Amino acid sequence: MDILENAKQLAKGTGELVSRKAAQVKEVLLLKSRVDTCEELLQKNYLELGKLYYEIHGAEAEEPFQKACRNISNARRGVVELSESLKQAEAKLKEM
């Protein structure tokens, strides 16, 4: 009987340990998920703030922002030019 009772106690203790560890893992995963969500919100808001600054001050940006605003302007120009080239290339392709 002693061996059977010891086995039951061991199984019970192991089950409780596994249950506690599962709860801890769940808590860690939940916290990681919340951190990721906060980081995504930060990135989204940084992007929105930068876009708003560019729209308001892009042409006359202050010194620390001039390079970034110039790069954005150049990239926008590139998008327009490349989009036009793409339309022309697609039109030529359809003619064939």
C-alpha atoms as a PDB file:
ATOM      1  CA  MET A   1       0.000   0.000   0.000  1.00  0.00           C
ATOM      2  CA  ASP A   2       2.806   2.404   0.794  1.00  0.00           C
ATOM      3  CA  ILE A   3       4.177   2.234  -2.733  1.00  0.00           C
ATOM      4  CA  LEU A   4       0.743   2.921  -4.215  1.00  0.00           C
ATOM      5  CA  GLU A   5       0.196   5.840  -1.839  1.00  0.00           C
ATOM      6  CA  ASN A   6       3.649   7.279  -2.655  1.00  0.00           C
ATOM      7  CA  ALA A   7       2.908   6.992  -6.379  1.00  0.00           C
ATOM      8  CA  LYS A   8      -0.391   8.843  -5.893  1.00  0.00           C
ATOM      9  CA  GLN A   9       1.320  11.617  -3.936  1.00  0.00           C
ATOM     10  CA  LEU A  10       4.072  11.879  -6.539  1.00  0.00           C
ATOM     11  CA  ALA A  11       1.537  12.074  -9.358  1.00  0.00           C
ATOM     12  CA  LYS A  12      -0.476  14.693  -7.467  1.00  0.00           C
ATOM     13  CA  GLY A  13       2.631  16.784  -6.770  1.00  0.00           C
ATOM     14  CA  THR A  14       3.785  16.493 -10.373  1.00  0.00           C
ATOM     15  CA  GLY A  15       0.349  17.525 -11.638  1.00  0.00           C
ATOM     16  CA  GLU A  16       0.334  20.583  -9.378  1.00  0.00           C
ATOM     17  CA  LEU A  17       3.839  21.526 -10.521  1.00  0.00           C
ATOM     18  CA  VAL A  18       2.871  21.172 -14.175  1.00  0.00           C
ATOM     19  CA  SER A  19      -0.254  23.241 -13.550  1.00  0.00           C
ATOM     20  CA  ARG A  20       1.749  26.043 -11.875  1.00  0.00           C
ATOM     21  CA  LYS A  21       4.322  26.028 -14.669  1.00  0.00           C
ATOM     22  CA  ALA A  22       1.570  26.173 -17.307  1.00  0.00           C
ATOM     23  CA  ALA A  23       0.066  29.192 -15.537  1.00  0.00           C
ATOM     24  CA  GLN A  24       3.488  30.863 -15.431  1.00  0.00           C
ATOM     25  CA  VAL A  25       4.073  30.175 -19.131  1.00  0.00           C
ATOM     26  CA  LYS A  26       0.629  31.589 -19.919  1.00  0.00           C
ATOM     27  CA  GLU A  27       1.420  34.746 -17.928  1.00  0.00           C
ATOM     28  CA  VAL A  28       4.779  35.192 -19.686  1.00  0.00           C
ATOM     29  CA  LEU A  29       3.178  34.762 -23.114  1.00  0.00           C
ATOM     30  CA  LEU A  30       0.408  37.223 -22.244  1.00  0.00           C
ATOM     31  CA  LEU A  31       2.951  39.804 -21.075  1.00  0.00           C
ATOM     32  CA  LYS A  32       5.053  39.303 -24.218  1.00  0.00           C
ATOM     33  CA  SER A  33       1.943  39.813 -26.318  1.00  0.00           C
ATOM     34  CA  ARG A  34       1.115  43.025 -24.473  1.00  0.00           C
ATOM     35  CA  VAL A  35       4.671  44.310 -24.916  1.00  0.00           C
ATOM     36  CA  ASP A  36       4.475  43.540 -28.660  1.00  0.00           C
ATOM     37  CA  THR A  37       1.154  45.383 -28.896  1.00  0.00           C
ATOM     38  CA  CYS A  38       2.613  48.429 -27.143  1.00  0.00           C
ATOM     39  CA  GLU A  39       5.659  48.394 -29.436  1.00  0.00           C
ATOM     40  CA  GLU A  40       3.398  48.203 -32.509  1.00  0.00           C
ATOM     41  CA  LEU A  41       1.380  51.163 -31.203  1.00  0.00           C
ATOM     42  CA  LEU A  42       4.591  53.109 -30.653  1.00  0.00           C
ATOM     43  CA  GLN A  43       5.764  52.453 -34.204  1.00  0.00           C
ATOM     44  CA  LYS A  44       2.373  53.366 -35.648  1.00  0.00           C
ATOM     45  CA  ASN A  45       2.264  56.626 -33.704  1.00  0.00           C
ATOM     46  CA  TYR A  46       5.869  57.507 -34.553  1.00  0.00           C
ATOM     47  CA  LEU A  47       5.029  57.033 -38.231  1.00  0.00           C
ATOM     48  CA  GLU A  48       1.886  59.136 -37.946  1.00  0.00           C
ATOM     49  CA  LEU A  49       3.783  61.863 -36.102  1.00  0.00           C
ATOM     50  CA  GLY A  50       6.524  61.908 -38.718  1.00  0.00           C
ATOM     51  CA  LYS A  51       4.015  62.030 -41.550  1.00  0.00           C
ATOM     52  CA  LEU A  52       2.141  64.881 -39.886  1.00  0.00           C
ATOM     53  CA  TYR A  53       5.387  66.803 -39.327  1.00  0.00           C
ATOM     54  CA  TYR A  54       6.366  66.303 -42.971  1.00  0.00           C
ATOM     55  CA  GLU A  55       2.962  67.461 -44.215  1.00  0.00           C
ATOM     56  CA  ILE A  56       3.107  70.607 -42.079  1.00  0.00           C
ATOM     57  CA  HIS A  57       6.824  71.475 -42.152  1.00  0.00           C
ATOM     58  CA  GLY A  58       8.333  69.390 -44.965  1.00  0.00           C
ATOM     59  CA  ALA A  59       9.236  72.333 -47.171  1.00  0.00           C
ATOM     60  CA  GLU A  60      10.745  74.405 -44.353  1.00  0.00           C
ATOM     61  CA  ALA A  61      11.824  71.704 -41.907  1.00  0.00           C
ATOM     62  CA  GLU A  62      14.132  72.611 -39.053  1.00  0.00           C
ATOM     63  CA  GLU A  63      17.771  71.489 -39.169  1.00  0.00           C
ATOM     64  CA  PRO A  64      17.533  68.071 -37.512  1.00  0.00           C
ATOM     65  CA  PHE A  65      14.622  67.098 -39.817  1.00  0.00           C
ATOM     66  CA  GLN A  66      15.808  68.535 -43.159  1.00  0.00           C
ATOM     67  CA  LYS A  67      17.594  65.415 -44.379  1.00  0.00           C
ATOM     68  CA  ALA A  68      14.665  63.117 -43.589  1.00  0.00           C
ATOM     69  CA  CYS A  69      12.192  65.505 -45.234  1.00  0.00           C
ATOM     70  CA  ARG A  70      14.417  65.768 -48.307  1.00  0.00           C
ATOM     71  CA  ASN A  71      14.637  61.959 -48.490  1.00  0.00           C
ATOM     72  CA  ILE A  72      10.850  61.690 -48.252  1.00  0.00           C
ATOM     73  CA  SER A  73      10.402  64.265 -51.015  1.00  0.00           C
ATOM     74  CA  ASN A  74      12.877  62.414 -53.232  1.00  0.00           C
ATOM     75  CA  ALA A  75      11.161  59.087 -52.565  1.00  0.00           C
ATOM     76  CA  ARG A  76       7.736  60.581 -53.367  1.00  0.00           C
ATOM     77  CA  ARG A  77       9.117  61.949 -56.633  1.00  0.00           C
ATOM     78  CA  GLY A  78      10.597  58.531 -57.381  1.00  0.00           C
ATOM     79  CA  VAL A  79       7.252  56.844 -56.789  1.00  0.00           C
ATOM     80  CA  VAL A  80       5.535  59.216 -59.223  1.00  0.00           C
ATOM     81  CA  GLU A  81       8.218  58.803 -61.905  1.00  0.00           C
ATOM     82  CA  LEU A  82       8.473  55.037 -61.529  1.00  0.00           C
ATOM     83  CA  SER A  83       4.692  54.645 -61.517  1.00  0.00           C
ATOM     84  CA  GLU A  84       4.512  56.515 -64.820  1.00  0.00           C
ATOM     85  CA  SER A  85       7.277  54.326 -66.282  1.00  0.00           C
ATOM     86  CA  LEU A  86       5.426  51.253 -65.024  1.00  0.00           C
ATOM     87  CA  LYS A  87       2.181  52.361 -66.687  1.00  0.00           C
ATOM     88  CA  GLN A  88       4.011  52.901 -69.973  1.00  0.00           C
ATOM     89  CA  ALA A  89       5.745  49.520 -69.753  1.00  0.00           C
ATOM     90  CA  GLU A  90       2.437  47.779 -68.998  1.00  0.00           C
ATOM     91  CA  ALA A  91       0.782  49.567 -71.935  1.00  0.00           C
ATOM     92  CA  LYS A  92       3.563  48.405 -74.276  1.00  0.00           C
ATOM     93  CA  LEU A  93       3.213  44.873 -72.943  1.00  0.00           C
ATOM     94  CA  LYS A  94      -0.513  44.865 -73.699  1.00  0.00           C
ATOM     95  CA  GLU A  95       0.155  46.041 -77.256  1.00  0.00           C
ATOM     96  CA  MET A  96       2.170  42.942 -78.036  1.00  0.00           C
END
